[in-house]
Amino acid sequence: MALPPLSSPKILLGDIRAFLGARQRHELIFAGFSIAIPAFLVIAFLVESTPIVYKAPTVIYAKNWNKGRTEAEIKRQQAIDAPGERAARKAEADFEAKKQQQFKDLQKALGI
């Protein structure tokens, strides 16, 4: 059996246009759905099958305090830790204020 000669892309597009022009509207809509649904499923499986990158867990160490600590020992340790905690709270508050100012600037720029 002999194969037909190859056609130019211009003729091919004309044939597709003529084929689609002979179809009714509901046939084209269902043809679009019949292409879109399997394409969506294939894309969903491809996205789902991407490997998950391992992220090492974050280890947080806590001090092991003895059970019989006195109030004085607790207050002394709190006095030692207080400047570091204040600095951490201040850094966090500064970060939040900076972020809030960025959102306010964005709000002004967008006219909201």
C-alpha atoms as a PDB file:
ATOM      1  CA  MET A   1       0.000   0.000   0.000  1.00  0.00           C
ATOM      2  CA  ALA A   2       1.450   3.340  -1.005  1.00  0.00           C
ATOM      3  CA  LEU A   3       1.473   6.258   1.398  1.00  0.00           C
ATOM      4  CA  PRO A   4      -0.033   9.549   0.286  1.00  0.00           C
ATOM      5  CA  PRO A   5       2.427  12.333  -0.465  1.00  0.00           C
ATOM      6  CA  LEU A   6       3.265  14.739   2.349  1.00  0.00           C
ATOM      7  CA  SER A   7       1.319  17.989   2.398  1.00  0.00           C
ATOM      8  CA  SER A   8       2.445  21.439   3.343  1.00  0.00           C
ATOM      9  CA  PRO A   9       1.480  22.909   6.729  1.00  0.00           C
ATOM     10  CA  LYS A  10      -0.744  25.417   4.945  1.00  0.00           C
ATOM     11  CA  ILE A  11      -2.828  22.615   3.423  1.00  0.00           C
ATOM     12  CA  LEU A  12      -2.893  20.744   6.735  1.00  0.00           C
ATOM     13  CA  LEU A  13      -4.245  23.800   8.587  1.00  0.00           C
ATOM     14  CA  GLY A  14      -6.835  24.272   5.862  1.00  0.00           C
ATOM     15  CA  ASP A  15      -7.999  20.666   6.277  1.00  0.00           C
ATOM     16  CA  ILE A  16      -8.266  21.058  10.065  1.00  0.00           C
ATOM     17  CA  ARG A  17     -10.173  24.328   9.651  1.00  0.00           C
ATOM     18  CA  ALA A  18     -12.581  22.671   7.204  1.00  0.00           C
ATOM     19  CA  PHE A  19     -13.081  19.688   9.530  1.00  0.00           C
ATOM     20  CA  LEU A  20     -13.778  21.912  12.548  1.00  0.00           C
ATOM     21  CA  GLY A  21     -16.025  24.174  10.471  1.00  0.00           C
ATOM     22  CA  ALA A  22     -18.245  21.218   9.580  1.00  0.00           C
ATOM     23  CA  ARG A  23     -18.829  20.431  13.285  1.00  0.00           C
ATOM     24  CA  GLN A  24     -21.608  21.818  15.412  1.00  0.00           C
ATOM     25  CA  ARG A  25     -20.909  23.928  18.485  1.00  0.00           C
ATOM     26  CA  HIS A  26     -21.732  21.251  21.075  1.00  0.00           C
ATOM     27  CA  GLU A  27     -19.391  18.781  19.341  1.00  0.00           C
ATOM     28  CA  LEU A  28     -16.497  21.234  19.628  1.00  0.00           C
ATOM     29  CA  ILE A  29     -17.259  21.903  23.304  1.00  0.00           C
ATOM     30  CA  PHE A  30     -17.279  18.187  24.127  1.00  0.00           C
ATOM     31  CA  ALA A  31     -14.119  17.692  22.071  1.00  0.00           C
ATOM     32  CA  GLY A  32     -12.435  20.383  24.156  1.00  0.00           C
ATOM     33  CA  PHE A  33     -13.574  18.701  27.380  1.00  0.00           C
ATOM     34  CA  SER A  34     -12.424  15.300  26.124  1.00  0.00           C
ATOM     35  CA  ILE A  35      -8.943  16.740  25.575  1.00  0.00           C
ATOM     36  CA  ALA A  36      -8.813  18.896  28.721  1.00  0.00           C
ATOM     37  CA  ILE A  37      -9.830  16.259  31.290  1.00  0.00           C
ATOM     38  CA  PRO A  38      -7.146  13.661  30.453  1.00  0.00           C
ATOM     39  CA  ALA A  39      -4.582  16.458  30.062  1.00  0.00           C
ATOM     40  CA  PHE A  40      -5.464  17.713  33.550  1.00  0.00           C
ATOM     41  CA  LEU A  41      -5.119  14.204  35.002  1.00  0.00           C
ATOM     42  CA  VAL A  42      -1.755  13.624  33.330  1.00  0.00           C
ATOM     43  CA  ILE A  43      -0.446  16.991  34.543  1.00  0.00           C
ATOM     44  CA  ALA A  44      -1.762  16.304  38.073  1.00  0.00           C
ATOM     45  CA  PHE A  45       0.046  12.953  38.190  1.00  0.00           C
ATOM     46  CA  LEU A  46       3.248  14.525  36.870  1.00  0.00           C
ATOM     47  CA  VAL A  47       3.147  17.277  39.477  1.00  0.00           C
ATOM     48  CA  GLU A  48       2.344  14.809  42.256  1.00  0.00           C
ATOM     49  CA  SER A  49       5.160  12.470  41.252  1.00  0.00           C
ATOM     50  CA  THR A  50       7.919  15.051  41.675  1.00  0.00           C
ATOM     51  CA  PRO A  51      10.286  13.906  44.416  1.00  0.00           C
ATOM     52  CA  ILE A  52      10.009  15.590  47.802  1.00  0.00           C
ATOM     53  CA  VAL A  53      13.263  17.221  48.877  1.00  0.00           C
ATOM     54  CA  TYR A  54      14.369  16.067  52.302  1.00  0.00           C
ATOM     55  CA  LYS A  55      14.635  18.839  54.848  1.00  0.00           C
ATOM     56  CA  ALA A  56      16.561  18.028  57.982  1.00  0.00           C
ATOM     57  CA  PRO A  57      14.556  18.532  61.155  1.00  0.00           C
ATOM     58  CA  THR A  58      15.347  21.542  63.320  1.00  0.00           C
ATOM     59  CA  VAL A  59      16.644  20.470  66.692  1.00  0.00           C
ATOM     60  CA  ILE A  60      15.932  22.792  69.603  1.00  0.00           C
ATOM     61  CA  TYR A  61      17.898  22.196  72.767  1.00  0.00           C
ATOM     62  CA  ALA A  62      16.424  23.128  76.138  1.00  0.00           C
ATOM     63  CA  LYS A  63      18.286  23.498  79.394  1.00  0.00           C
ATOM     64  CA  ASN A  64      17.847  20.688  81.865  1.00  0.00           C
ATOM     65  CA  TRP A  65      17.108  22.317  85.205  1.00  0.00           C
ATOM     66  CA  ASN A  66      17.405  20.406  88.427  1.00  0.00           C
ATOM     67  CA  LYS A  67      14.227  19.890  90.372  1.00  0.00           C
ATOM     68  CA  GLY A  68      15.362  21.481  93.618  1.00  0.00           C
ATOM     69  CA  ARG A  69      16.293  24.984  92.389  1.00  0.00           C
ATOM     70  CA  THR A  70      15.639  27.818  94.786  1.00  0.00           C
ATOM     71  CA  GLU A  71      13.794  31.044  93.971  1.00  0.00           C
ATOM     72  CA  ALA A  72      17.090  32.939  94.218  1.00  0.00           C
ATOM     73  CA  GLU A  73      18.715  30.700  91.588  1.00  0.00           C
ATOM     74  CA  ILE A  74      15.739  31.150  89.292  1.00  0.00           C
ATOM     75  CA  LYS A  75      15.787  34.970  89.690  1.00  0.00           C
ATOM     76  CA  ARG A  76      19.573  35.069  89.147  1.00  0.00           C
ATOM     77  CA  GLN A  77      19.276  33.059  85.926  1.00  0.00           C
ATOM     78  CA  GLN A  78      16.385  35.261  84.739  1.00  0.00           C
ATOM     79  CA  ALA A  79      18.516  38.358  85.368  1.00  0.00           C
ATOM     80  CA  ILE A  80      21.306  36.832  83.277  1.00  0.00           C
ATOM     81  CA  ASP A  81      18.927  35.881  80.446  1.00  0.00           C
ATOM     82  CA  ALA A  82      16.853  39.106  80.466  1.00  0.00           C
ATOM     83  CA  PRO A  83      19.092  41.311  78.222  1.00  0.00           C
ATOM     84  CA  GLY A  84      19.250  38.636  75.523  1.00  0.00           C
ATOM     85  CA  GLU A  85      15.501  38.113  75.626  1.00  0.00           C
ATOM     86  CA  ARG A  86      14.848  41.875  75.470  1.00  0.00           C
ATOM     87  CA  ALA A  87      17.185  42.189  72.486  1.00  0.00           C
ATOM     88  CA  ALA A  88      15.425  39.292  70.721  1.00  0.00           C
ATOM     89  CA  ARG A  89      11.980  40.827  71.396  1.00  0.00           C
ATOM     90  CA  LYS A  90      13.191  44.239  70.178  1.00  0.00           C
ATOM     91  CA  ALA A  91      14.638  42.693  66.992  1.00  0.00           C
ATOM     92  CA  GLU A  92      11.365  40.894  66.347  1.00  0.00           C
ATOM     93  CA  ALA A  93       9.338  44.066  66.976  1.00  0.00           C
ATOM     94  CA  ASP A  94      11.610  46.038  64.623  1.00  0.00           C
ATOM     95  CA  PHE A  95      11.199  43.377  61.963  1.00  0.00           C
ATOM     96  CA  GLU A  96       7.404  43.439  62.365  1.00  0.00           C
ATOM     97  CA  ALA A  97       7.360  47.270  62.199  1.00  0.00           C
ATOM     98  CA  LYS A  98       9.487  47.212  59.034  1.00  0.00           C
ATOM     99  CA  LYS A  99       7.212  44.610  57.446  1.00  0.00           C
ATOM    100  CA  GLN A 100       4.117  46.598  58.425  1.00  0.00           C
ATOM    101  CA  GLN A 101       5.602  49.750  56.894  1.00  0.00           C
ATOM    102  CA  GLN A 102       6.303  47.854  53.657  1.00  0.00           C
ATOM    103  CA  PHE A 103       2.653  46.781  53.511  1.00  0.00           C
ATOM    104  CA  LYS A 104       1.508  50.354  54.185  1.00  0.00           C
ATOM    105  CA  ASP A 105       3.748  51.606  51.365  1.00  0.00           C
ATOM    106  CA  LEU A 106       2.351  48.942  49.066  1.00  0.00           C
ATOM    107  CA  GLN A 107      -1.175  49.906  50.092  1.00  0.00           C
ATOM    108  CA  LYS A 108      -0.472  53.547  49.217  1.00  0.00           C
ATOM    109  CA  ALA A 109       1.129  52.564  45.907  1.00  0.00           C
ATOM    110  CA  LEU A 110      -1.888  50.455  44.949  1.00  0.00           C
ATOM    111  CA  GLY A 111      -4.317  53.099  46.178  1.00  0.00           C
ATOM    112  CA  ILE A 112      -6.188  50.812  48.534  1.00  0.00           C
END
